[in-house]
């Protein structure tokens, strides 16, 4: 009887997920920061390493709305997007422990920031503005950069938003090195934060 209830993992593509032996998060980890900082790519790799779920709040908003973030901005405006984003973040924070990457404006929104600070470990992936510009200019999916000189808009956003991102519990540099190097810096920062 017991044997029948055992799962056979041999046929699965991936091994069953489990928490990392060296780090167990006490609560959800939320990555905040500017567009192009690497929140989604680092968040996904980090969650995989820890053996916990990963969610991207922008993708969750798109799934709920049935259209892209750019389309939401164009059709209903930024306020409608922020309202939807806030609801998605609240829902994700009520789910089991996971890694969440947020859009660049999520932590700037006072209500979302309060939700994150009260219910999760917030981590700012900080990147040099030049690195951000090189990353974001390659894609046309950034609605806030469509209305003028992208570099100037980005620099103004950095000036306004960096002091707010600095309120996150942790800050880790997102440099031009390999993703894995940033993941290791995040893990080191988390271990120090949780266990020291």
N, C-alpha and C. Protein backbone atom coordinates (compact mmCIF):
# COMPACT_ATOMS: atom_id res chain seq x y z
N UNK A 1 0.83 -1.21 0.00
CA UNK A 1 0.00 0.00 0.00
C UNK A 1 0.86 1.26 0.00
N UNK A 2 1.85 1.29 0.88
CA UNK A 2 2.73 2.45 0.94
C UNK A 2 3.46 2.66 -0.36
N UNK A 3 3.88 1.55 -0.97
CA UNK A 3 4.64 1.63 -2.21
C UNK A 3 3.83 2.29 -3.32
N UNK A 4 2.52 2.01 -3.36
CA UNK A 4 1.65 2.56 -4.39
C UNK A 4 1.53 4.08 -4.27
N UNK A 5 1.60 4.60 -3.04
CA UNK A 5 1.45 6.03 -2.82
C UNK A 5 2.73 6.82 -3.09
N UNK A 6 3.84 6.12 -3.21
CA UNK A 6 5.11 6.80 -3.48
C UNK A 6 5.11 7.34 -4.90
N UNK A 7 5.64 8.54 -5.07
CA UNK A 7 5.73 9.12 -6.41
C UNK A 7 6.98 8.61 -7.10
N UNK A 8 6.85 8.34 -8.38
CA UNK A 8 8.00 7.91 -9.17
C UNK A 8 8.55 9.12 -9.91
N UNK A 9 9.71 9.63 -9.47
CA UNK A 9 10.29 10.83 -10.07
C UNK A 9 11.20 10.53 -11.25
N UNK A 10 11.41 9.24 -11.56
CA UNK A 10 12.33 8.89 -12.63
C UNK A 10 11.88 9.41 -13.98
N UNK A 11 10.57 9.42 -14.21
CA UNK A 11 10.05 9.87 -15.50
C UNK A 11 9.90 11.37 -15.61
N UNK A 12 10.11 12.10 -14.50
CA UNK A 12 9.94 13.56 -14.53
C UNK A 12 11.17 14.24 -15.10
N UNK A 13 10.94 15.40 -15.72
CA UNK A 13 12.05 16.17 -16.30
C UNK A 13 12.92 16.79 -15.21
N UNK A 14 12.28 17.20 -14.11
CA UNK A 14 13.01 17.85 -13.03
C UNK A 14 12.86 17.05 -11.75
N UNK A 15 13.83 17.17 -10.87
CA UNK A 15 13.72 16.55 -9.56
C UNK A 15 12.66 17.31 -8.77
N UNK A 16 12.06 16.68 -7.76
CA UNK A 16 11.08 17.39 -6.95
C UNK A 16 11.72 18.59 -6.27
N UNK A 17 10.97 19.68 -6.19
CA UNK A 17 11.52 20.89 -5.58
C UNK A 17 11.60 20.75 -4.07
N UNK A 18 12.62 21.36 -3.48
CA UNK A 18 12.76 21.39 -2.03
C UNK A 18 13.53 22.65 -1.66
N UNK A 19 13.42 23.02 -0.40
CA UNK A 19 14.17 24.18 0.05
C UNK A 19 15.66 23.90 0.03
N UNK A 20 16.43 24.93 -0.22
CA UNK A 20 17.88 24.81 -0.19
C UNK A 20 18.32 24.37 1.20
N UNK A 21 19.30 23.49 1.24
CA UNK A 21 19.80 23.01 2.53
C UNK A 21 20.50 24.12 3.31
N UNK A 22 21.03 25.10 2.58
CA UNK A 22 21.81 26.14 3.25
C UNK A 22 21.02 27.41 3.57
N UNK A 23 19.80 27.53 3.03
CA UNK A 23 19.03 28.74 3.25
C UNK A 23 17.54 28.44 3.16
N UNK A 24 16.81 28.77 4.21
CA UNK A 24 15.36 28.64 4.21
C UNK A 24 14.78 30.02 4.48
N UNK A 25 14.02 30.53 3.54
CA UNK A 25 13.43 31.86 3.72
C UNK A 25 12.32 31.81 4.76
N UNK A 26 12.30 32.77 5.70
CA UNK A 26 11.22 32.81 6.69
C UNK A 26 9.95 33.44 6.12
N UNK A 27 10.10 34.17 5.02
CA UNK A 27 8.95 34.78 4.34
C UNK A 27 9.30 35.01 2.87
N UNK A 28 8.30 35.42 2.13
CA UNK A 28 8.49 35.65 0.70
C UNK A 28 9.56 36.72 0.47
N UNK A 29 10.32 36.55 -0.61
CA UNK A 29 11.33 37.53 -1.02
C UNK A 29 10.78 38.30 -2.20
N UNK A 30 10.78 39.63 -2.10
CA UNK A 30 10.29 40.48 -3.18
C UNK A 30 11.44 41.32 -3.72
N UNK A 31 11.70 41.17 -5.01
CA UNK A 31 12.75 41.94 -5.67
C UNK A 31 12.17 43.23 -6.21
N UNK A 32 12.81 44.35 -5.87
CA UNK A 32 12.36 45.67 -6.34
C UNK A 32 13.52 46.35 -7.05
N UNK A 33 13.21 47.37 -7.81
CA UNK A 33 14.25 48.11 -8.51
C UNK A 33 13.79 48.57 -9.88
N UNK A 34 14.70 49.22 -10.58
CA UNK A 34 14.38 49.80 -11.89
C UNK A 34 14.22 48.74 -12.96
N UNK A 35 13.54 49.13 -14.04
CA UNK A 35 13.46 48.29 -15.22
C UNK A 35 14.88 48.03 -15.71
N UNK A 36 15.15 46.80 -16.10
CA UNK A 36 16.48 46.46 -16.59
C UNK A 36 17.46 46.05 -15.51
N UNK A 37 17.02 46.05 -14.24
CA UNK A 37 17.92 45.66 -13.15
C UNK A 37 18.13 44.15 -13.08
N UNK A 38 17.25 43.41 -13.73
CA UNK A 38 17.38 41.95 -13.75
C UNK A 38 16.50 41.23 -12.75
N UNK A 39 15.44 41.90 -12.30
CA UNK A 39 14.58 41.31 -11.26
C UNK A 39 13.97 39.97 -11.69
N UNK A 40 13.49 39.90 -12.91
CA UNK A 40 12.85 38.65 -13.37
C UNK A 40 13.87 37.54 -13.59
N UNK A 41 14.96 37.85 -14.29
CA UNK A 41 15.95 36.80 -14.58
C UNK A 41 16.66 36.34 -13.32
N UNK A 42 16.97 37.25 -12.42
CA UNK A 42 17.62 36.86 -11.15
C UNK A 42 16.60 36.16 -10.25
N UNK A 43 15.39 36.69 -10.19
CA UNK A 43 14.35 36.09 -9.35
C UNK A 43 14.05 34.66 -9.73
N UNK A 44 13.94 34.39 -11.02
CA UNK A 44 13.67 33.04 -11.50
C UNK A 44 14.79 32.07 -11.11
N UNK A 45 16.03 32.50 -11.32
CA UNK A 45 17.18 31.66 -10.98
C UNK A 45 17.27 31.42 -9.47
N UNK A 46 16.99 32.45 -8.72
CA UNK A 46 17.04 32.36 -7.26
C UNK A 46 15.98 31.39 -6.74
N UNK A 47 14.77 31.50 -7.24
CA UNK A 47 13.69 30.62 -6.81
C UNK A 47 14.01 29.17 -7.14
N UNK A 48 14.58 28.97 -8.30
CA UNK A 48 14.96 27.61 -8.72
C UNK A 48 16.02 27.03 -7.78
N UNK A 49 16.97 27.89 -7.42
CA UNK A 49 18.04 27.45 -6.52
C UNK A 49 17.49 27.11 -5.13
N UNK A 50 16.50 27.88 -4.68
CA UNK A 50 15.91 27.67 -3.36
C UNK A 50 14.83 26.61 -3.38
N UNK A 51 14.38 26.21 -4.57
CA UNK A 51 13.34 25.20 -4.68
C UNK A 51 11.96 25.70 -4.28
N UNK A 52 11.70 26.99 -4.54
CA UNK A 52 10.39 27.57 -4.23
C UNK A 52 9.83 28.24 -5.48
N UNK A 53 8.53 28.55 -5.49
CA UNK A 53 7.92 29.16 -6.67
C UNK A 53 8.45 30.56 -6.97
N UNK A 54 8.33 30.94 -8.23
CA UNK A 54 8.68 32.28 -8.68
C UNK A 54 7.48 32.89 -9.40
N UNK A 55 7.21 34.16 -9.13
CA UNK A 55 6.17 34.89 -9.84
C UNK A 55 6.66 36.28 -10.20
N UNK A 56 6.27 36.72 -11.38
CA UNK A 56 6.57 38.06 -11.86
C UNK A 56 5.26 38.84 -11.81
N UNK A 57 5.21 39.92 -11.02
CA UNK A 57 3.94 40.64 -10.84
C UNK A 57 3.43 41.23 -12.15
N UNK A 58 4.33 41.69 -13.03
CA UNK A 58 3.89 42.22 -14.33
C UNK A 58 3.20 41.13 -15.15
N UNK A 59 3.78 39.94 -15.17
CA UNK A 59 3.17 38.83 -15.92
C UNK A 59 1.82 38.44 -15.34
N UNK A 60 1.71 38.51 -14.01
CA UNK A 60 0.43 38.20 -13.36
C UNK A 60 -0.63 39.24 -13.70
N UNK A 61 -0.24 40.51 -13.77
CA UNK A 61 -1.18 41.57 -14.17
C UNK A 61 -1.62 41.34 -15.62
N UNK A 62 -0.67 41.02 -16.50
CA UNK A 62 -0.99 40.75 -17.90
C UNK A 62 -1.95 39.58 -18.03
N UNK A 63 -1.69 38.53 -17.25
CA UNK A 63 -2.56 37.34 -17.30
C UNK A 63 -3.98 37.70 -16.88
N UNK A 64 -4.10 38.49 -15.81
CA UNK A 64 -5.42 38.88 -15.31
C UNK A 64 -6.15 39.80 -16.28
N UNK A 65 -5.40 40.71 -16.91
CA UNK A 65 -6.00 41.68 -17.83
C UNK A 65 -6.21 41.13 -19.24
N UNK A 66 -5.46 40.11 -19.59
CA UNK A 66 -5.56 39.55 -20.94
C UNK A 66 -4.89 40.40 -22.00
N UNK A 67 -3.96 41.27 -21.55
CA UNK A 67 -3.20 42.10 -22.50
C UNK A 67 -1.89 42.52 -21.85
N UNK A 68 -1.01 43.14 -22.64
CA UNK A 68 0.32 43.51 -22.15
C UNK A 68 0.27 44.74 -21.24
N UNK A 69 1.33 44.93 -20.46
CA UNK A 69 1.46 46.11 -19.62
C UNK A 69 1.38 47.38 -20.48
N UNK A 70 2.07 47.37 -21.63
CA UNK A 70 2.05 48.53 -22.53
C UNK A 70 0.63 48.84 -22.98
N UNK A 71 -0.15 47.78 -23.29
CA UNK A 71 -1.55 47.99 -23.71
C UNK A 71 -2.41 48.54 -22.58
N UNK A 72 -2.15 48.08 -21.35
CA UNK A 72 -2.90 48.59 -20.19
C UNK A 72 -2.62 50.08 -20.03
N UNK A 73 -1.34 50.47 -20.11
CA UNK A 73 -0.97 51.88 -20.00
C UNK A 73 -1.66 52.71 -21.08
N UNK A 74 -1.61 52.20 -22.31
CA UNK A 74 -2.16 52.95 -23.45
C UNK A 74 -3.68 53.06 -23.39
N UNK A 75 -4.35 51.99 -22.98
CA UNK A 75 -5.81 51.96 -22.99
C UNK A 75 -6.43 52.58 -21.75
N UNK A 76 -5.92 52.21 -20.57
CA UNK A 76 -6.55 52.66 -19.33
C UNK A 76 -5.70 53.60 -18.49
N UNK A 77 -4.41 53.73 -18.81
CA UNK A 77 -3.54 54.65 -18.09
C UNK A 77 -2.80 54.01 -16.93
N UNK A 78 -1.85 54.77 -16.38
CA UNK A 78 -0.99 54.25 -15.33
C UNK A 78 -1.74 53.95 -14.04
N UNK A 79 -2.74 54.77 -13.71
CA UNK A 79 -3.49 54.55 -12.46
C UNK A 79 -4.16 53.18 -12.46
N UNK A 80 -4.78 52.82 -13.58
CA UNK A 80 -5.45 51.50 -13.68
C UNK A 80 -4.43 50.38 -13.53
N UNK A 81 -3.24 50.58 -14.13
CA UNK A 81 -2.20 49.56 -14.00
C UNK A 81 -1.76 49.42 -12.55
N UNK A 82 -1.53 50.55 -11.86
CA UNK A 82 -1.08 50.50 -10.46
C UNK A 82 -2.13 49.82 -9.56
N UNK A 83 -3.41 50.08 -9.83
CA UNK A 83 -4.48 49.44 -9.06
C UNK A 83 -4.43 47.93 -9.24
N UNK A 84 -4.28 47.50 -10.49
CA UNK A 84 -4.20 46.06 -10.79
C UNK A 84 -2.95 45.45 -10.17
N UNK A 85 -1.83 46.16 -10.28
CA UNK A 85 -0.57 45.69 -9.73
C UNK A 85 -0.67 45.50 -8.21
N UNK A 86 -1.32 46.45 -7.54
CA UNK A 86 -1.49 46.39 -6.09
C UNK A 86 -2.29 45.15 -5.69
N UNK A 87 -3.36 44.88 -6.43
CA UNK A 87 -4.19 43.70 -6.13
C UNK A 87 -3.39 42.41 -6.33
N UNK A 88 -2.61 42.37 -7.41
CA UNK A 88 -1.80 41.18 -7.70
C UNK A 88 -0.75 40.96 -6.60
N UNK A 89 -0.07 42.02 -6.20
CA UNK A 89 0.96 41.91 -5.15
C UNK A 89 0.33 41.42 -3.85
N UNK A 90 -0.83 41.96 -3.51
CA UNK A 90 -1.51 41.53 -2.28
C UNK A 90 -1.85 40.04 -2.35
N UNK A 91 -2.34 39.58 -3.49
CA UNK A 91 -2.68 38.16 -3.66
C UNK A 91 -1.43 37.29 -3.54
N UNK A 92 -0.34 37.70 -4.21
CA UNK A 92 0.90 36.91 -4.18
C UNK A 92 1.49 36.85 -2.77
N UNK A 93 1.39 37.94 -2.04
CA UNK A 93 1.93 37.96 -0.67
C UNK A 93 1.13 37.09 0.29
N UNK A 94 -0.11 36.78 -0.07
CA UNK A 94 -0.93 35.89 0.76
C UNK A 94 -0.73 34.42 0.42
N UNK A 95 0.05 34.15 -0.61
CA UNK A 95 0.34 32.77 -1.03
C UNK A 95 1.53 32.24 -0.23
N UNK A 96 1.84 30.93 -0.34
CA UNK A 96 3.01 30.38 0.34
C UNK A 96 4.31 31.08 -0.08
N UNK A 97 5.36 30.89 0.71
CA UNK A 97 6.65 31.54 0.49
C UNK A 97 7.15 31.31 -0.93
N UNK A 98 7.61 32.38 -1.55
CA UNK A 98 8.05 32.36 -2.93
C UNK A 98 8.99 33.53 -3.19
N UNK A 99 9.48 33.63 -4.41
CA UNK A 99 10.24 34.81 -4.86
C UNK A 99 9.34 35.55 -5.84
N UNK A 100 9.22 36.86 -5.65
CA UNK A 100 8.40 37.70 -6.52
C UNK A 100 9.26 38.81 -7.10
N UNK A 101 9.20 38.98 -8.43
CA UNK A 101 9.83 40.17 -9.03
C UNK A 101 8.69 41.14 -9.32
N UNK A 102 8.95 42.42 -9.05
CA UNK A 102 7.92 43.44 -9.25
C UNK A 102 8.32 44.39 -10.37
N UNK A 103 7.33 45.08 -10.89
CA UNK A 103 7.60 46.14 -11.87
C UNK A 103 8.32 47.28 -11.18
N UNK A 104 8.98 48.13 -11.97
CA UNK A 104 9.81 49.18 -11.39
C UNK A 104 9.04 50.20 -10.56
N UNK A 105 7.74 50.34 -10.79
CA UNK A 105 6.97 51.33 -10.03
C UNK A 105 6.27 50.77 -8.81
N UNK A 106 6.32 49.46 -8.62
CA UNK A 106 5.56 48.83 -7.52
C UNK A 106 5.99 49.33 -6.16
N UNK A 107 7.29 49.36 -5.89
CA UNK A 107 7.78 49.77 -4.58
C UNK A 107 7.67 51.28 -4.39
N UNK A 108 7.52 52.01 -5.49
CA UNK A 108 7.35 53.46 -5.43
C UNK A 108 5.94 53.79 -4.93
N UNK A 109 4.97 52.92 -5.29
CA UNK A 109 3.60 53.09 -4.83
C UNK A 109 3.55 52.84 -3.32
N UNK A 110 3.09 53.83 -2.57
CA UNK A 110 3.16 53.76 -1.10
C UNK A 110 2.40 52.56 -0.54
N UNK A 111 1.21 52.28 -1.08
CA UNK A 111 0.40 51.18 -0.56
C UNK A 111 1.07 49.82 -0.83
N UNK A 112 1.59 49.66 -2.05
CA UNK A 112 2.29 48.41 -2.38
C UNK A 112 3.56 48.27 -1.55
N UNK A 113 4.27 49.37 -1.36
CA UNK A 113 5.52 49.35 -0.57
C UNK A 113 5.22 48.91 0.87
N UNK A 114 4.15 49.43 1.44
CA UNK A 114 3.77 49.06 2.81
C UNK A 114 3.43 47.57 2.88
N UNK A 115 2.66 47.09 1.91
CA UNK A 115 2.30 45.66 1.85
C UNK A 115 3.56 44.79 1.82
N UNK A 116 4.50 45.18 0.97
CA UNK A 116 5.74 44.41 0.80
C UNK A 116 6.56 44.44 2.09
N UNK A 117 6.74 45.63 2.66
CA UNK A 117 7.57 45.76 3.86
C UNK A 117 6.99 45.01 5.05
N UNK A 118 5.66 44.92 5.12
CA UNK A 118 5.01 44.26 6.25
C UNK A 118 4.91 42.75 6.09
N UNK A 119 4.98 42.25 4.86
CA UNK A 119 4.70 40.83 4.62
C UNK A 119 5.82 40.05 3.94
N UNK A 120 6.95 40.70 3.67
CA UNK A 120 8.00 40.01 2.92
C UNK A 120 9.37 40.61 3.24
N UNK A 121 10.40 39.96 2.72
CA UNK A 121 11.75 40.53 2.74
C UNK A 121 11.90 41.26 1.40
N UNK A 122 12.15 42.54 1.46
CA UNK A 122 12.32 43.31 0.22
C UNK A 122 13.81 43.43 -0.10
N UNK A 123 14.14 43.25 -1.36
CA UNK A 123 15.54 43.33 -1.80
C UNK A 123 15.64 44.18 -3.06
N UNK A 124 16.41 45.26 -2.96
CA UNK A 124 16.61 46.16 -4.10
C UNK A 124 17.78 45.65 -4.93
N UNK A 125 17.50 45.32 -6.18
CA UNK A 125 18.56 45.01 -7.14
C UNK A 125 18.97 46.35 -7.75
N UNK A 126 20.10 46.85 -7.30
CA UNK A 126 20.56 48.18 -7.71
C UNK A 126 21.52 48.05 -8.89
N UNK A 127 21.29 48.85 -9.92
CA UNK A 127 22.17 48.84 -11.08
C UNK A 127 22.54 50.27 -11.46
N UNK A 128 23.73 50.44 -11.99
CA UNK A 128 24.18 51.73 -12.49
C UNK A 128 23.27 52.17 -13.64
N UNK A 129 22.90 53.46 -13.69
CA UNK A 129 22.01 53.94 -14.75
C UNK A 129 22.49 53.63 -16.17
N UNK A 130 23.79 53.63 -16.40
CA UNK A 130 24.32 53.31 -17.73
C UNK A 130 24.02 51.86 -18.11
N UNK A 131 24.17 50.98 -17.14
CA UNK A 131 23.85 49.56 -17.37
C UNK A 131 22.36 49.42 -17.67
N UNK A 132 21.53 50.11 -16.88
CA UNK A 132 20.08 50.05 -17.09
C UNK A 132 19.72 50.50 -18.50
N UNK A 133 20.30 51.62 -18.92
CA UNK A 133 19.99 52.16 -20.24
C UNK A 133 20.36 51.16 -21.34
N UNK A 134 21.54 50.58 -21.24
CA UNK A 134 21.98 49.59 -22.24
C UNK A 134 21.04 48.40 -22.31
N UNK A 135 20.49 48.02 -21.17
CA UNK A 135 19.57 46.87 -21.14
C UNK A 135 18.19 47.22 -21.67
N UNK A 136 17.64 48.35 -21.24
CA UNK A 136 16.24 48.65 -21.59
C UNK A 136 16.06 49.16 -23.02
N UNK A 137 17.10 49.75 -23.58
CA UNK A 137 16.96 50.33 -24.92
C UNK A 137 16.76 49.24 -25.99
N UNK A 138 17.14 48.02 -25.66
CA UNK A 138 17.01 46.91 -26.61
C UNK A 138 15.57 46.44 -26.78
N UNK A 139 14.68 46.85 -25.87
CA UNK A 139 13.30 46.37 -25.92
C UNK A 139 12.32 47.53 -26.01
N UNK A 140 11.19 47.28 -26.66
CA UNK A 140 10.18 48.33 -26.80
C UNK A 140 8.97 48.06 -25.90
N UNK A 141 9.21 47.42 -24.76
CA UNK A 141 8.11 47.04 -23.86
C UNK A 141 8.08 47.90 -22.61
N UNK A 142 8.68 49.07 -22.65
CA UNK A 142 8.76 49.94 -21.47
C UNK A 142 7.92 51.20 -21.70
N UNK A 143 6.62 51.17 -21.37
CA UNK A 143 5.73 52.28 -21.70
C UNK A 143 6.14 53.64 -21.12
N UNK A 144 6.80 53.65 -19.96
CA UNK A 144 7.18 54.92 -19.36
C UNK A 144 8.33 55.61 -20.11
N UNK A 145 9.00 54.88 -21.01
CA UNK A 145 10.11 55.47 -21.78
C UNK A 145 9.69 55.93 -23.17
N UNK A 146 8.41 55.73 -23.51
CA UNK A 146 7.95 56.03 -24.87
C UNK A 146 7.73 57.53 -25.13
N UNK A 147 7.66 58.33 -24.09
CA UNK A 147 7.21 59.72 -24.24
C UNK A 147 8.35 60.73 -24.22
N UNK A 148 9.38 60.52 -24.99
CA UNK A 148 10.48 61.48 -25.05
C UNK A 148 11.82 60.78 -25.14
N UNK A 149 12.87 61.50 -24.73
CA UNK A 149 14.22 60.98 -24.74
C UNK A 149 14.37 59.90 -23.66
N UNK A 150 14.54 58.66 -24.08
CA UNK A 150 14.54 57.52 -23.15
C UNK A 150 15.62 57.65 -22.08
N UNK A 151 16.80 58.10 -22.48
CA UNK A 151 17.91 58.20 -21.52
C UNK A 151 17.61 59.25 -20.45
N UNK A 152 17.09 60.38 -20.87
CA UNK A 152 16.76 61.45 -19.92
C UNK A 152 15.64 61.02 -18.98
N UNK A 153 14.61 60.37 -19.54
CA UNK A 153 13.49 59.89 -18.72
C UNK A 153 14.00 58.89 -17.69
N UNK A 154 14.87 57.98 -18.13
CA UNK A 154 15.43 56.97 -17.23
C UNK A 154 16.24 57.62 -16.11
N UNK A 155 17.06 58.61 -16.45
CA UNK A 155 17.88 59.30 -15.44
C UNK A 155 17.00 60.02 -14.41
N UNK A 156 15.91 60.63 -14.88
CA UNK A 156 14.98 61.32 -13.97
C UNK A 156 14.28 60.32 -13.05
N UNK A 157 13.93 59.17 -13.61
CA UNK A 157 13.31 58.11 -12.80
C UNK A 157 14.27 57.61 -11.74
N UNK A 158 15.53 57.42 -12.12
CA UNK A 158 16.56 56.97 -11.17
C UNK A 158 16.68 57.98 -10.02
N UNK A 159 16.73 59.26 -10.35
CA UNK A 159 16.86 60.31 -9.32
C UNK A 159 15.69 60.27 -8.33
N UNK A 160 14.48 60.06 -8.86
CA UNK A 160 13.29 60.03 -8.01
C UNK A 160 13.16 58.73 -7.22
N UNK A 161 13.48 57.62 -7.87
CA UNK A 161 13.15 56.32 -7.30
C UNK A 161 14.23 55.69 -6.42
N UNK A 162 15.49 55.98 -6.67
CA UNK A 162 16.54 55.32 -5.89
C UNK A 162 16.41 55.58 -4.38
N UNK A 163 16.06 56.80 -3.94
CA UNK A 163 15.88 57.00 -2.50
C UNK A 163 14.73 56.15 -1.93
N UNK A 164 13.73 55.85 -2.75
CA UNK A 164 12.62 55.01 -2.29
C UNK A 164 13.04 53.55 -2.25
N UNK A 165 13.71 53.09 -3.31
CA UNK A 165 14.21 51.71 -3.32
C UNK A 165 15.15 51.44 -2.14
N UNK A 166 15.85 52.48 -1.72
CA UNK A 166 16.80 52.34 -0.61
C UNK A 166 16.11 51.97 0.71
N UNK A 167 14.78 52.07 0.74
CA UNK A 167 14.03 51.67 1.93
C UNK A 167 13.86 50.16 2.03
N UNK A 168 14.26 49.43 0.99
CA UNK A 168 14.17 47.96 1.02
C UNK A 168 15.06 47.42 2.13
N UNK A 169 14.72 46.24 2.63
CA UNK A 169 15.48 45.62 3.72
C UNK A 169 16.92 45.33 3.31
N UNK A 170 17.12 44.98 2.03
CA UNK A 170 18.45 44.61 1.53
C UNK A 170 18.72 45.29 0.19
N UNK A 171 19.99 45.52 -0.10
CA UNK A 171 20.40 46.05 -1.40
C UNK A 171 21.53 45.17 -1.93
N UNK A 172 21.40 44.76 -3.19
CA UNK A 172 22.44 43.96 -3.85
C UNK A 172 22.69 44.57 -5.22
N UNK A 173 23.97 44.69 -5.58
CA UNK A 173 24.34 45.26 -6.87
C UNK A 173 24.04 44.28 -8.01
N UNK A 174 23.44 44.81 -9.06
CA UNK A 174 23.21 44.05 -10.29
C UNK A 174 24.17 44.61 -11.33
N UNK A 175 25.32 43.97 -11.45
CA UNK A 175 26.37 44.45 -12.34
C UNK A 175 26.25 43.84 -13.72
N UNK A 176 27.27 44.04 -14.51
CA UNK A 176 27.30 43.47 -15.86
C UNK A 176 27.93 42.08 -15.89
N UNK A 177 28.12 41.47 -14.71
CA UNK A 177 28.69 40.13 -14.70
C UNK A 177 27.58 39.09 -14.91
N UNK A 178 27.92 37.83 -14.83
CA UNK A 178 26.96 36.76 -15.10
C UNK A 178 25.82 36.77 -14.08
N UNK A 179 24.66 36.30 -14.53
CA UNK A 179 23.49 36.22 -13.65
C UNK A 179 23.81 35.44 -12.37
N UNK A 180 24.54 34.35 -12.53
CA UNK A 180 24.85 33.50 -11.38
C UNK A 180 25.65 34.25 -10.30
N UNK A 181 26.49 35.18 -10.73
CA UNK A 181 27.26 35.97 -9.76
C UNK A 181 26.32 36.85 -8.93
N UNK A 182 25.32 37.43 -9.58
CA UNK A 182 24.34 38.25 -8.86
C UNK A 182 23.52 37.38 -7.93
N UNK A 183 23.12 36.19 -8.40
CA UNK A 183 22.36 35.25 -7.56
C UNK A 183 23.16 34.92 -6.30
N UNK A 184 24.45 34.68 -6.45
CA UNK A 184 25.30 34.35 -5.29
C UNK A 184 25.38 35.53 -4.33
N UNK A 185 25.44 36.76 -4.87
CA UNK A 185 25.46 37.94 -3.99
C UNK A 185 24.15 38.05 -3.22
N UNK A 186 23.04 37.76 -3.89
CA UNK A 186 21.73 37.80 -3.23
C UNK A 186 21.67 36.76 -2.12
N UNK A 187 22.12 35.54 -2.41
CA UNK A 187 22.10 34.48 -1.40
C UNK A 187 22.96 34.84 -0.19
N UNK A 188 24.12 35.42 -0.44
CA UNK A 188 25.01 35.83 0.65
C UNK A 188 24.34 36.91 1.51
N UNK A 189 23.69 37.87 0.86
CA UNK A 189 23.00 38.95 1.59
C UNK A 189 21.84 38.39 2.41
N UNK A 190 21.11 37.43 1.84
CA UNK A 190 19.98 36.82 2.55
C UNK A 190 20.46 36.03 3.76
N UNK A 191 21.53 35.27 3.60
CA UNK A 191 22.07 34.47 4.72
C UNK A 191 22.47 35.39 5.87
N UNK A 192 23.14 36.47 5.54
CA UNK A 192 23.57 37.43 6.57
C UNK A 192 22.35 38.04 7.25
N UNK A 193 21.36 38.43 6.46
CA UNK A 193 20.15 39.07 6.98
C UNK A 193 19.35 38.12 7.89
N UNK A 194 19.22 36.87 7.47
CA UNK A 194 18.38 35.91 8.20
C UNK A 194 19.09 35.31 9.40
N UNK A 195 20.37 34.97 9.25
CA UNK A 195 21.05 34.18 10.27
C UNK A 195 21.98 34.97 11.18
N UNK A 196 22.41 36.17 10.80
CA UNK A 196 23.33 36.95 11.66
C UNK A 196 22.59 37.73 12.71
